[in-house]
Amino acid sequence: MLVLITYDVNTETSAGRKRLRQIAKQCVNYGQRVQNSVFECLLDTAQCRALQAKLCSIMDLEKDSLRFYYLGNQYEKKIEHFGCKHTYLPEEPMIL
């Protein structure tokens, strides 16, 4: 299923900036960054729960926010893209 993950981390302190980097690093391991704090991740249920647990263990529940949007397996019909950034297909190989 395609999961859209968004986060907002309070970066007023060095600890907050560290959490921001750690959360982004974990998300990069599972998906593609599509905006500064937005990732599209193609995950199965176990991967999704594991990623949620990792991110929740990093974030500060009093200062940070984390959201998961479940777009499912028919995500192609639920996404429209406009603008300059090129889109990609999550199921196709990505060459770096």
C-alpha atoms as a PDB file:
ATOM      1  CA  MET A   1       0.000   0.000   0.000  1.00  0.00           C
ATOM      2  CA  LEU A   2       1.122   3.558  -0.567  1.00  0.00           C
ATOM      3  CA  VAL A   3       1.472   5.562   2.632  1.00  0.00           C
ATOM      4  CA  LEU A   4       2.013   9.305   2.709  1.00  0.00           C
ATOM      5  CA  ILE A   5       4.031  10.331   5.773  1.00  0.00           C
ATOM      6  CA  THR A   6       4.222  13.949   6.906  1.00  0.00           C
ATOM      7  CA  TYR A   7       5.970  15.374   9.915  1.00  0.00           C
ATOM      8  CA  ASP A   8       6.547  18.659  11.670  1.00  0.00           C
ATOM      9  CA  VAL A   9       9.445  18.720  14.125  1.00  0.00           C
ATOM     10  CA  ASN A  10      10.152  21.627  16.456  1.00  0.00           C
ATOM     11  CA  THR A  11      13.684  22.716  15.506  1.00  0.00           C
ATOM     12  CA  GLU A  12      14.172  25.527  18.028  1.00  0.00           C
ATOM     13  CA  THR A  13      16.814  23.446  19.851  1.00  0.00           C
ATOM     14  CA  SER A  14      19.712  21.303  18.702  1.00  0.00           C
ATOM     15  CA  ALA A  15      17.821  18.249  20.007  1.00  0.00           C
ATOM     16  CA  GLY A  16      14.907  19.167  17.718  1.00  0.00           C
ATOM     17  CA  ARG A  17      17.185  19.535  14.707  1.00  0.00           C
ATOM     18  CA  LYS A  18      18.674  16.127  15.524  1.00  0.00           C
ATOM     19  CA  ARG A  19      15.184  14.563  15.698  1.00  0.00           C
ATOM     20  CA  LEU A  20      14.344  16.143  12.335  1.00  0.00           C
ATOM     21  CA  ARG A  21      17.424  14.571  10.715  1.00  0.00           C
ATOM     22  CA  GLN A  22      16.721  11.193  12.329  1.00  0.00           C
ATOM     23  CA  ILE A  23      13.101  11.121  11.196  1.00  0.00           C
ATOM     24  CA  ALA A  24      14.049  12.119   7.643  1.00  0.00           C
ATOM     25  CA  LYS A  25      16.771   9.440   7.572  1.00  0.00           C
ATOM     26  CA  GLN A  26      14.303   6.740   8.607  1.00  0.00           C
ATOM     27  CA  CYS A  27      11.751   7.867   6.010  1.00  0.00           C
ATOM     28  CA  VAL A  28      14.400   7.846   3.245  1.00  0.00           C
ATOM     29  CA  ASN A  29      15.030   4.184   4.089  1.00  0.00           C
ATOM     30  CA  TYR A  30      11.409   3.360   3.258  1.00  0.00           C
ATOM     31  CA  GLY A  31      10.311   5.744   0.530  1.00  0.00           C
ATOM     32  CA  GLN A  32      10.732   8.787  -1.658  1.00  0.00           C
ATOM     33  CA  ARG A  33      10.798  12.398  -0.424  1.00  0.00           C
ATOM     34  CA  VAL A  34       8.220  14.394  -2.403  1.00  0.00           C
ATOM     35  CA  GLN A  35       8.283  17.602  -0.324  1.00  0.00           C
ATOM     36  CA  ASN A  36      10.561  18.801   2.488  1.00  0.00           C
ATOM     37  CA  SER A  37       8.735  16.914   5.236  1.00  0.00           C
ATOM     38  CA  VAL A  38       6.585  14.611   3.097  1.00  0.00           C
ATOM     39  CA  PHE A  39       7.415  11.073   1.967  1.00  0.00           C
ATOM     40  CA  GLU A  40       5.597   8.552  -0.201  1.00  0.00           C
ATOM     41  CA  CYS A  41       6.355   5.028   0.976  1.00  0.00           C
ATOM     42  CA  LEU A  42       5.280   1.752  -0.615  1.00  0.00           C
ATOM     43  CA  LEU A  43       4.916  -0.510   2.439  1.00  0.00           C
ATOM     44  CA  ASP A  44       3.295  -3.694   3.592  1.00  0.00           C
ATOM     45  CA  THR A  45       1.533  -3.747   6.974  1.00  0.00           C
ATOM     46  CA  ALA A  46       4.558  -5.041   8.896  1.00  0.00           C
ATOM     47  CA  GLN A  47       6.877  -2.427   7.386  1.00  0.00           C
ATOM     48  CA  CYS A  48       4.356   0.306   8.135  1.00  0.00           C
ATOM     49  CA  ARG A  49       4.048  -0.703  11.803  1.00  0.00           C
ATOM     50  CA  ALA A  50       7.847  -0.977  12.133  1.00  0.00           C
ATOM     51  CA  LEU A  51       8.353   2.470  10.620  1.00  0.00           C
ATOM     52  CA  GLN A  52       5.646   3.963  12.847  1.00  0.00           C
ATOM     53  CA  ALA A  53       7.340   2.507  15.921  1.00  0.00           C
ATOM     54  CA  LYS A  54      10.751   3.858  14.855  1.00  0.00           C
ATOM     55  CA  LEU A  55       9.432   7.341  14.134  1.00  0.00           C
ATOM     56  CA  CYS A  56       7.378   7.512  17.331  1.00  0.00           C
ATOM     57  CA  SER A  57      10.431   6.505  19.353  1.00  0.00           C
ATOM     58  CA  ILE A  58      12.385   9.408  17.807  1.00  0.00           C
ATOM     59  CA  MET A  59       9.791  12.174  17.994  1.00  0.00           C
ATOM     60  CA  ASP A  60       8.935  14.282  21.024  1.00  0.00           C
ATOM     61  CA  LEU A  61       5.203  13.742  21.577  1.00  0.00           C
ATOM     62  CA  GLU A  62       4.914  17.149  23.260  1.00  0.00           C
ATOM     63  CA  LYS A  63       6.613  19.165  20.487  1.00  0.00           C
ATOM     64  CA  ASP A  64       6.450  17.233  17.193  1.00  0.00           C
ATOM     65  CA  SER A  65       3.716  15.972  14.881  1.00  0.00           C
ATOM     66  CA  LEU A  66       3.638  12.883  12.663  1.00  0.00           C
ATOM     67  CA  ARG A  67       0.845  11.901  10.245  1.00  0.00           C
ATOM     68  CA  PHE A  68       0.293   8.765   8.155  1.00  0.00           C
ATOM     69  CA  TYR A  69      -2.163   8.842   5.217  1.00  0.00           C
ATOM     70  CA  TYR A  70      -3.054   5.414   3.849  1.00  0.00           C
ATOM     71  CA  LEU A  71      -3.671   5.650   0.103  1.00  0.00           C
ATOM     72  CA  GLY A  72      -3.919   1.880  -0.387  1.00  0.00           C
ATOM     73  CA  ASN A  73      -3.097  -0.207  -3.439  1.00  0.00           C
ATOM     74  CA  GLN A  74      -5.139   1.848  -5.916  1.00  0.00           C
ATOM     75  CA  TYR A  75      -3.155   5.000  -5.173  1.00  0.00           C
ATOM     76  CA  GLU A  76      -2.674   5.961  -8.847  1.00  0.00           C
ATOM     77  CA  LYS A  77      -6.285   7.172  -8.939  1.00  0.00           C
ATOM     78  CA  LYS A  78      -5.854   9.241  -5.763  1.00  0.00           C
ATOM     79  CA  ILE A  79      -2.825  11.346  -6.687  1.00  0.00           C
ATOM     80  CA  GLU A  80      -2.655  14.372  -8.967  1.00  0.00           C
ATOM     81  CA  HIS A  81       0.591  16.268  -9.474  1.00  0.00           C
ATOM     82  CA  PHE A  82       1.022  19.798 -10.783  1.00  0.00           C
ATOM     83  CA  GLY A  83       4.155  21.879 -11.010  1.00  0.00           C
ATOM     84  CA  CYS A  84       7.847  21.627 -11.616  1.00  0.00           C
ATOM     85  CA  LYS A  85       8.917  18.558  -9.652  1.00  0.00           C
ATOM     86  CA  HIS A  86       8.831  15.400 -11.712  1.00  0.00           C
ATOM     87  CA  THR A  87       6.656  12.580 -10.515  1.00  0.00           C
ATOM     88  CA  TYR A  88       7.735   8.963 -10.255  1.00  0.00           C
ATOM     89  CA  LEU A  89       6.056   5.560 -10.044  1.00  0.00           C
ATOM     90  CA  PRO A  90       6.794   3.938  -6.654  1.00  0.00           C
ATOM     91  CA  GLU A  91       6.633   0.390  -8.034  1.00  0.00           C
ATOM     92  CA  GLU A  92       9.195   0.968 -10.790  1.00  0.00           C
ATOM     93  CA  PRO A  93      12.945   0.664 -10.183  1.00  0.00           C
ATOM     94  CA  MET A  94      14.658   3.885  -9.232  1.00  0.00           C
ATOM     95  CA  ILE A  95      18.118   4.552 -10.628  1.00  0.00           C
ATOM     96  CA  LEU A  96      20.283   6.796  -8.488  1.00  0.00           C
END
